[in-house]
């Protein structure tokens, strides 16, 4: 079994299983909670990506303006590189930097969940 190749265009398709969606959201909540930031989820699986993305856009935007050091610490904790951000910006030039960062957070947290599931299945 090979791990899937995730990128900007195909990330939402991996968020089709309810358990994967919930695990990804829990991971995002955990990582942001470590920095005193709250992410909530209504439980609406069909709208999960957009709901979480919107909250992340708001959080990232606020952090960029008021506490960039904490934003960099979160990105480091989640393991998002400048290279990954640049790649996504090139793939989605119509999106703002804040939207790209929010998407990268979801994508990286999804990768963590899928990797964890893969190694549990061995």
N, C-alpha and C. Protein backbone atom coordinates (compact mmCIF):
# COMPACT_ATOMS: atom_id res chain seq x y z
N UNK A 1 0.85 -1.19 0.00
CA UNK A 1 0.00 0.00 0.00
C UNK A 1 0.88 1.24 0.00
N UNK A 2 0.67 2.12 -0.96
CA UNK A 2 1.42 3.37 -1.05
C UNK A 2 0.60 4.51 -0.48
N UNK A 3 1.29 5.46 0.11
CA UNK A 3 0.60 6.64 0.61
C UNK A 3 0.16 7.49 -0.57
N UNK A 4 -0.99 8.14 -0.48
CA UNK A 4 -1.47 8.97 -1.59
C UNK A 4 -0.63 10.23 -1.74
N UNK A 5 -0.57 10.72 -2.97
CA UNK A 5 0.12 11.97 -3.27
C UNK A 5 -0.90 13.10 -3.13
N UNK A 6 -0.76 13.89 -2.07
CA UNK A 6 -1.70 14.97 -1.83
C UNK A 6 -1.17 16.27 -2.41
N UNK A 7 -2.05 17.03 -3.02
CA UNK A 7 -1.72 18.37 -3.47
C UNK A 7 -3.00 19.19 -3.48
N UNK A 8 -2.87 20.46 -3.82
CA UNK A 8 -3.98 21.41 -3.68
C UNK A 8 -5.26 20.92 -4.33
N UNK A 9 -5.18 20.37 -5.55
CA UNK A 9 -6.39 20.01 -6.27
C UNK A 9 -7.09 18.78 -5.72
N UNK A 10 -6.37 17.84 -5.11
CA UNK A 10 -7.03 16.59 -4.74
C UNK A 10 -7.25 16.38 -3.24
N UNK A 11 -6.86 17.32 -2.40
CA UNK A 11 -7.02 17.14 -0.96
C UNK A 11 -8.47 16.86 -0.55
N UNK A 12 -9.46 17.61 -1.04
CA UNK A 12 -10.84 17.34 -0.60
C UNK A 12 -11.31 15.91 -0.86
N UNK A 13 -10.83 15.25 -1.90
CA UNK A 13 -11.29 13.88 -2.18
C UNK A 13 -10.87 12.90 -1.09
N UNK A 14 -9.79 13.19 -0.37
CA UNK A 14 -9.36 12.30 0.71
C UNK A 14 -10.15 12.55 1.99
N UNK A 15 -10.90 13.62 1.99
CA UNK A 15 -11.73 13.94 3.16
C UNK A 15 -13.14 13.41 2.98
N UNK A 16 -13.26 12.24 2.34
CA UNK A 16 -14.59 11.70 2.10
C UNK A 16 -15.05 10.70 3.15
N UNK A 17 -14.14 10.16 3.92
CA UNK A 17 -14.53 9.24 4.98
C UNK A 17 -14.74 9.98 6.28
N UNK A 18 -15.87 9.74 6.91
CA UNK A 18 -16.20 10.47 8.13
C UNK A 18 -15.12 10.34 9.20
N UNK A 19 -14.59 9.15 9.39
CA UNK A 19 -13.56 8.95 10.42
C UNK A 19 -12.30 9.75 10.10
N UNK A 20 -11.91 9.77 8.84
CA UNK A 20 -10.71 10.53 8.44
C UNK A 20 -10.94 12.02 8.64
N UNK A 21 -12.12 12.47 8.29
CA UNK A 21 -12.45 13.89 8.48
C UNK A 21 -12.36 14.26 9.96
N UNK A 22 -13.00 13.44 10.80
CA UNK A 22 -13.01 13.75 12.23
C UNK A 22 -11.62 13.69 12.84
N UNK A 23 -10.82 12.72 12.44
CA UNK A 23 -9.44 12.63 12.94
C UNK A 23 -8.62 13.83 12.51
N UNK A 24 -8.81 14.27 11.27
CA UNK A 24 -8.07 15.43 10.77
C UNK A 24 -8.46 16.69 11.54
N UNK A 25 -9.74 16.87 11.77
CA UNK A 25 -10.21 18.03 12.52
C UNK A 25 -9.70 17.98 13.96
N UNK A 26 -9.72 16.80 14.56
CA UNK A 26 -9.20 16.67 15.93
C UNK A 26 -7.72 17.02 15.99
N UNK A 27 -6.96 16.63 14.97
CA UNK A 27 -5.54 16.95 14.93
C UNK A 27 -5.33 18.46 14.80
N UNK A 28 -6.14 19.11 13.97
CA UNK A 28 -6.06 20.57 13.82
C UNK A 28 -6.40 21.23 15.15
N UNK A 29 -7.46 20.78 15.80
CA UNK A 29 -7.87 21.35 17.08
C UNK A 29 -6.76 21.19 18.12
N UNK A 30 -6.15 20.01 18.15
CA UNK A 30 -5.08 19.73 19.10
C UNK A 30 -3.89 20.66 18.86
N UNK A 31 -3.44 20.75 17.61
CA UNK A 31 -2.27 21.57 17.32
C UNK A 31 -2.52 23.05 17.58
N UNK A 32 -3.69 23.55 17.23
CA UNK A 32 -3.99 24.96 17.51
C UNK A 32 -4.22 25.18 19.00
N UNK A 33 -4.82 24.20 19.66
CA UNK A 33 -5.03 24.30 21.10
C UNK A 33 -3.74 24.42 21.89
N UNK A 34 -2.67 23.81 21.38
CA UNK A 34 -1.36 23.91 22.04
C UNK A 34 -0.88 25.35 22.10
N UNK A 35 -1.41 26.19 21.23
CA UNK A 35 -1.02 27.59 21.18
C UNK A 35 -2.13 28.52 21.67
N UNK A 36 -3.10 27.93 22.38
CA UNK A 36 -4.16 28.72 22.97
C UNK A 36 -5.20 29.22 21.98
N UNK A 37 -5.30 28.57 20.83
CA UNK A 37 -6.27 28.98 19.81
C UNK A 37 -7.33 27.90 19.65
N UNK A 38 -8.58 28.33 19.53
CA UNK A 38 -9.68 27.38 19.45
C UNK A 38 -10.21 27.25 18.03
N UNK A 39 -10.32 26.01 17.60
CA UNK A 39 -10.98 25.68 16.35
C UNK A 39 -12.18 24.81 16.75
N UNK A 40 -13.34 25.12 16.22
CA UNK A 40 -14.55 24.36 16.56
C UNK A 40 -15.08 23.68 15.30
N UNK A 41 -15.92 22.69 15.52
CA UNK A 41 -16.53 21.98 14.40
C UNK A 41 -17.98 21.68 14.72
N UNK A 42 -18.87 22.01 13.80
CA UNK A 42 -20.30 21.85 14.00
C UNK A 42 -20.76 20.40 13.92
N UNK A 43 -19.93 19.57 13.27
CA UNK A 43 -20.31 18.18 13.07
C UNK A 43 -20.88 17.92 11.69
N UNK A 44 -21.02 18.96 10.88
CA UNK A 44 -21.55 18.81 9.52
C UNK A 44 -20.44 18.30 8.60
N UNK A 45 -20.39 16.99 8.44
CA UNK A 45 -19.34 16.35 7.66
C UNK A 45 -19.31 16.85 6.22
N UNK A 46 -20.47 17.09 5.65
CA UNK A 46 -20.53 17.49 4.24
C UNK A 46 -19.92 18.87 3.99
N UNK A 47 -19.80 19.67 5.02
CA UNK A 47 -19.26 21.02 4.89
C UNK A 47 -17.96 21.19 5.68
N UNK A 48 -17.36 20.09 6.09
CA UNK A 48 -16.21 20.13 7.00
C UNK A 48 -15.04 20.94 6.45
N UNK A 49 -14.65 20.65 5.20
CA UNK A 49 -13.48 21.35 4.64
C UNK A 49 -13.70 22.86 4.67
N UNK A 50 -14.83 23.31 4.17
CA UNK A 50 -15.09 24.75 4.09
C UNK A 50 -15.21 25.38 5.47
N UNK A 51 -15.85 24.68 6.39
CA UNK A 51 -16.01 25.20 7.75
C UNK A 51 -14.66 25.39 8.44
N UNK A 52 -13.83 24.36 8.36
CA UNK A 52 -12.52 24.43 9.01
C UNK A 52 -11.61 25.41 8.27
N UNK A 53 -11.64 25.39 6.96
CA UNK A 53 -10.81 26.30 6.17
C UNK A 53 -11.13 27.75 6.52
N UNK A 54 -12.42 28.07 6.63
CA UNK A 54 -12.82 29.43 6.96
C UNK A 54 -12.30 29.85 8.34
N UNK A 55 -12.38 28.96 9.31
CA UNK A 55 -11.87 29.29 10.65
C UNK A 55 -10.35 29.47 10.62
N UNK A 56 -9.68 28.62 9.87
CA UNK A 56 -8.22 28.73 9.77
C UNK A 56 -7.82 30.03 9.08
N UNK A 57 -8.57 30.42 8.06
CA UNK A 57 -8.29 31.70 7.39
C UNK A 57 -8.38 32.85 8.40
N UNK A 58 -9.42 32.84 9.23
CA UNK A 58 -9.58 33.89 10.24
C UNK A 58 -8.44 33.87 11.26
N UNK A 59 -8.09 32.68 11.74
CA UNK A 59 -7.02 32.56 12.72
C UNK A 59 -5.68 33.00 12.13
N UNK A 60 -5.37 32.50 10.94
CA UNK A 60 -4.09 32.83 10.30
C UNK A 60 -4.01 34.32 10.00
N UNK A 61 -5.09 34.88 9.51
CA UNK A 61 -5.11 36.32 9.21
C UNK A 61 -4.83 37.14 10.47
N UNK A 62 -5.50 36.79 11.56
CA UNK A 62 -5.26 37.49 12.82
C UNK A 62 -3.84 37.34 13.31
N UNK A 63 -3.31 36.13 13.18
CA UNK A 63 -1.93 35.89 13.62
C UNK A 63 -0.92 36.64 12.75
N UNK A 64 -1.17 36.71 11.46
CA UNK A 64 -0.25 37.44 10.58
C UNK A 64 -0.17 38.92 10.97
N UNK A 65 -1.29 39.46 11.40
CA UNK A 65 -1.34 40.88 11.76
C UNK A 65 -0.81 41.12 13.17
N UNK A 66 -1.20 40.26 14.13
CA UNK A 66 -0.94 40.56 15.54
C UNK A 66 0.13 39.71 16.21
N UNK A 67 0.44 38.53 15.67
CA UNK A 67 1.37 37.63 16.38
C UNK A 67 2.04 36.67 15.39
N UNK A 68 2.84 37.22 14.49
CA UNK A 68 3.46 36.38 13.46
C UNK A 68 4.39 35.34 14.07
N UNK A 69 4.98 35.63 15.22
CA UNK A 69 5.84 34.65 15.88
C UNK A 69 5.08 33.39 16.24
N UNK A 70 3.87 33.56 16.74
CA UNK A 70 3.04 32.40 17.10
C UNK A 70 2.61 31.66 15.83
N UNK A 71 2.32 32.39 14.76
CA UNK A 71 1.97 31.74 13.49
C UNK A 71 3.13 30.87 13.00
N UNK A 72 4.34 31.42 13.03
CA UNK A 72 5.51 30.63 12.60
C UNK A 72 5.71 29.41 13.49
N UNK A 73 5.44 29.55 14.78
CA UNK A 73 5.57 28.41 15.70
C UNK A 73 4.54 27.33 15.37
N UNK A 74 3.32 27.75 15.04
CA UNK A 74 2.28 26.79 14.66
C UNK A 74 2.66 26.07 13.38
N UNK A 75 3.12 26.83 12.40
CA UNK A 75 3.51 26.21 11.12
C UNK A 75 4.67 25.25 11.33
N UNK A 76 5.59 25.59 12.22
CA UNK A 76 6.70 24.69 12.53
C UNK A 76 6.18 23.43 13.22
N UNK A 77 5.28 23.59 14.17
CA UNK A 77 4.70 22.45 14.90
C UNK A 77 3.96 21.51 13.95
N UNK A 78 3.22 22.08 13.02
CA UNK A 78 2.45 21.28 12.08
C UNK A 78 3.36 20.72 10.99
N UNK A 79 4.51 21.34 10.79
CA UNK A 79 5.51 20.90 9.81
C UNK A 79 5.15 21.34 8.40
N UNK A 80 4.93 22.64 8.27
CA UNK A 80 4.66 23.23 6.96
C UNK A 80 5.85 24.09 6.56
N UNK A 81 6.44 23.76 5.44
CA UNK A 81 7.63 24.48 4.97
C UNK A 81 7.26 25.61 4.02
N UNK A 82 8.20 26.53 3.86
CA UNK A 82 8.02 27.60 2.88
C UNK A 82 7.89 27.01 1.48
N UNK A 83 8.63 25.94 1.22
CA UNK A 83 8.59 25.28 -0.09
C UNK A 83 7.17 24.77 -0.38
N UNK A 84 6.53 24.17 0.62
CA UNK A 84 5.16 23.67 0.45
C UNK A 84 4.19 24.82 0.19
N UNK A 85 4.38 25.92 0.92
CA UNK A 85 3.52 27.09 0.72
C UNK A 85 3.69 27.66 -0.68
N UNK A 86 4.93 27.76 -1.13
CA UNK A 86 5.20 28.29 -2.47
C UNK A 86 4.61 27.39 -3.55
N UNK A 87 4.73 26.08 -3.36
CA UNK A 87 4.18 25.13 -4.33
C UNK A 87 2.67 25.30 -4.44
N UNK A 88 1.99 25.40 -3.30
CA UNK A 88 0.54 25.55 -3.31
C UNK A 88 0.15 26.90 -3.90
N UNK A 89 0.92 27.93 -3.62
CA UNK A 89 0.61 29.23 -4.20
C UNK A 89 0.74 29.19 -5.72
N UNK A 90 1.71 28.45 -6.21
CA UNK A 90 1.87 28.30 -7.66
C UNK A 90 0.71 27.50 -8.27
N UNK A 91 0.23 26.49 -7.53
CA UNK A 91 -0.88 25.66 -8.01
C UNK A 91 -2.21 26.39 -7.96
N UNK A 92 -2.32 27.36 -7.06
CA UNK A 92 -3.58 28.08 -6.85
C UNK A 92 -3.32 29.59 -6.80
N UNK A 93 -2.93 30.18 -7.92
CA UNK A 93 -2.54 31.60 -7.91
C UNK A 93 -3.69 32.56 -7.57
N UNK A 94 -4.92 32.11 -7.67
CA UNK A 94 -6.05 32.99 -7.37
C UNK A 94 -6.36 33.09 -5.88
N UNK A 95 -5.66 32.31 -5.07
CA UNK A 95 -5.90 32.31 -3.63
C UNK A 95 -4.90 33.20 -2.92
N UNK A 96 -5.34 33.85 -1.86
CA UNK A 96 -4.45 34.71 -1.07
C UNK A 96 -3.49 33.84 -0.27
N UNK A 97 -2.44 34.46 0.24
CA UNK A 97 -1.48 33.73 1.07
C UNK A 97 -2.16 33.13 2.29
N UNK A 98 -3.07 33.85 2.90
CA UNK A 98 -3.79 33.36 4.08
C UNK A 98 -4.60 32.11 3.72
N UNK A 99 -5.27 32.12 2.58
CA UNK A 99 -6.04 30.95 2.15
C UNK A 99 -5.13 29.77 1.84
N UNK A 100 -3.97 30.04 1.27
CA UNK A 100 -3.01 28.98 0.97
C UNK A 100 -2.48 28.37 2.26
N UNK A 101 -2.15 29.19 3.24
CA UNK A 101 -1.67 28.68 4.53
C UNK A 101 -2.75 27.82 5.18
N UNK A 102 -4.00 28.30 5.18
CA UNK A 102 -5.09 27.53 5.77
C UNK A 102 -5.25 26.18 5.08
N UNK A 103 -5.17 26.18 3.77
CA UNK A 103 -5.27 24.92 3.03
C UNK A 103 -4.09 24.00 3.37
N UNK A 104 -2.90 24.55 3.44
CA UNK A 104 -1.73 23.74 3.76
C UNK A 104 -1.85 23.10 5.14
N UNK A 105 -2.43 23.83 6.08
CA UNK A 105 -2.64 23.27 7.42
C UNK A 105 -3.54 22.04 7.33
N UNK A 106 -4.65 22.16 6.61
CA UNK A 106 -5.56 21.02 6.46
C UNK A 106 -4.86 19.87 5.75
N UNK A 107 -4.16 20.18 4.68
CA UNK A 107 -3.48 19.14 3.91
C UNK A 107 -2.43 18.41 4.75
N UNK A 108 -1.64 19.15 5.51
CA UNK A 108 -0.58 18.53 6.31
C UNK A 108 -1.18 17.69 7.45
N UNK A 109 -2.23 18.19 8.06
CA UNK A 109 -2.87 17.43 9.14
C UNK A 109 -3.52 16.17 8.58
N UNK A 110 -4.09 16.25 7.38
CA UNK A 110 -4.64 15.07 6.71
C UNK A 110 -3.54 14.06 6.43
N UNK A 111 -2.39 14.52 5.98
CA UNK A 111 -1.26 13.62 5.73
C UNK A 111 -0.86 12.89 7.01
N UNK A 112 -0.85 13.62 8.12
CA UNK A 112 -0.52 12.98 9.42
C UNK A 112 -1.51 11.86 9.72
N UNK A 113 -2.79 12.15 9.53
CA UNK A 113 -3.83 11.15 9.81
C UNK A 113 -3.66 9.94 8.90
N UNK A 114 -3.49 10.17 7.60
CA UNK A 114 -3.34 9.06 6.66
C UNK A 114 -2.08 8.25 6.94
N UNK A 115 -1.00 8.92 7.30
CA UNK A 115 0.25 8.22 7.63
C UNK A 115 0.06 7.36 8.88
N UNK A 116 -0.57 7.93 9.89
CA UNK A 116 -0.84 7.19 11.12
C UNK A 116 -1.68 5.95 10.83
N UNK A 117 -2.72 6.10 10.01
CA UNK A 117 -3.58 4.98 9.66
C UNK A 117 -2.82 3.93 8.86
N UNK A 118 -1.96 4.38 7.97
CA UNK A 118 -1.18 3.45 7.15
C UNK A 118 -0.29 2.59 8.04
N UNK A 119 0.43 3.21 8.96
CA UNK A 119 1.35 2.43 9.79
C UNK A 119 0.62 1.58 10.83
N UNK A 120 -0.57 1.98 11.23
CA UNK A 120 -1.37 1.13 12.12
C UNK A 120 -1.85 -0.12 11.41
N UNK A 121 -2.02 -0.02 10.09
CA UNK A 121 -2.53 -1.16 9.33
C UNK A 121 -1.46 -2.20 8.98
N UNK A 122 -0.21 -1.86 9.22
CA UNK A 122 0.88 -2.81 8.87
C UNK A 122 0.96 -3.97 9.85
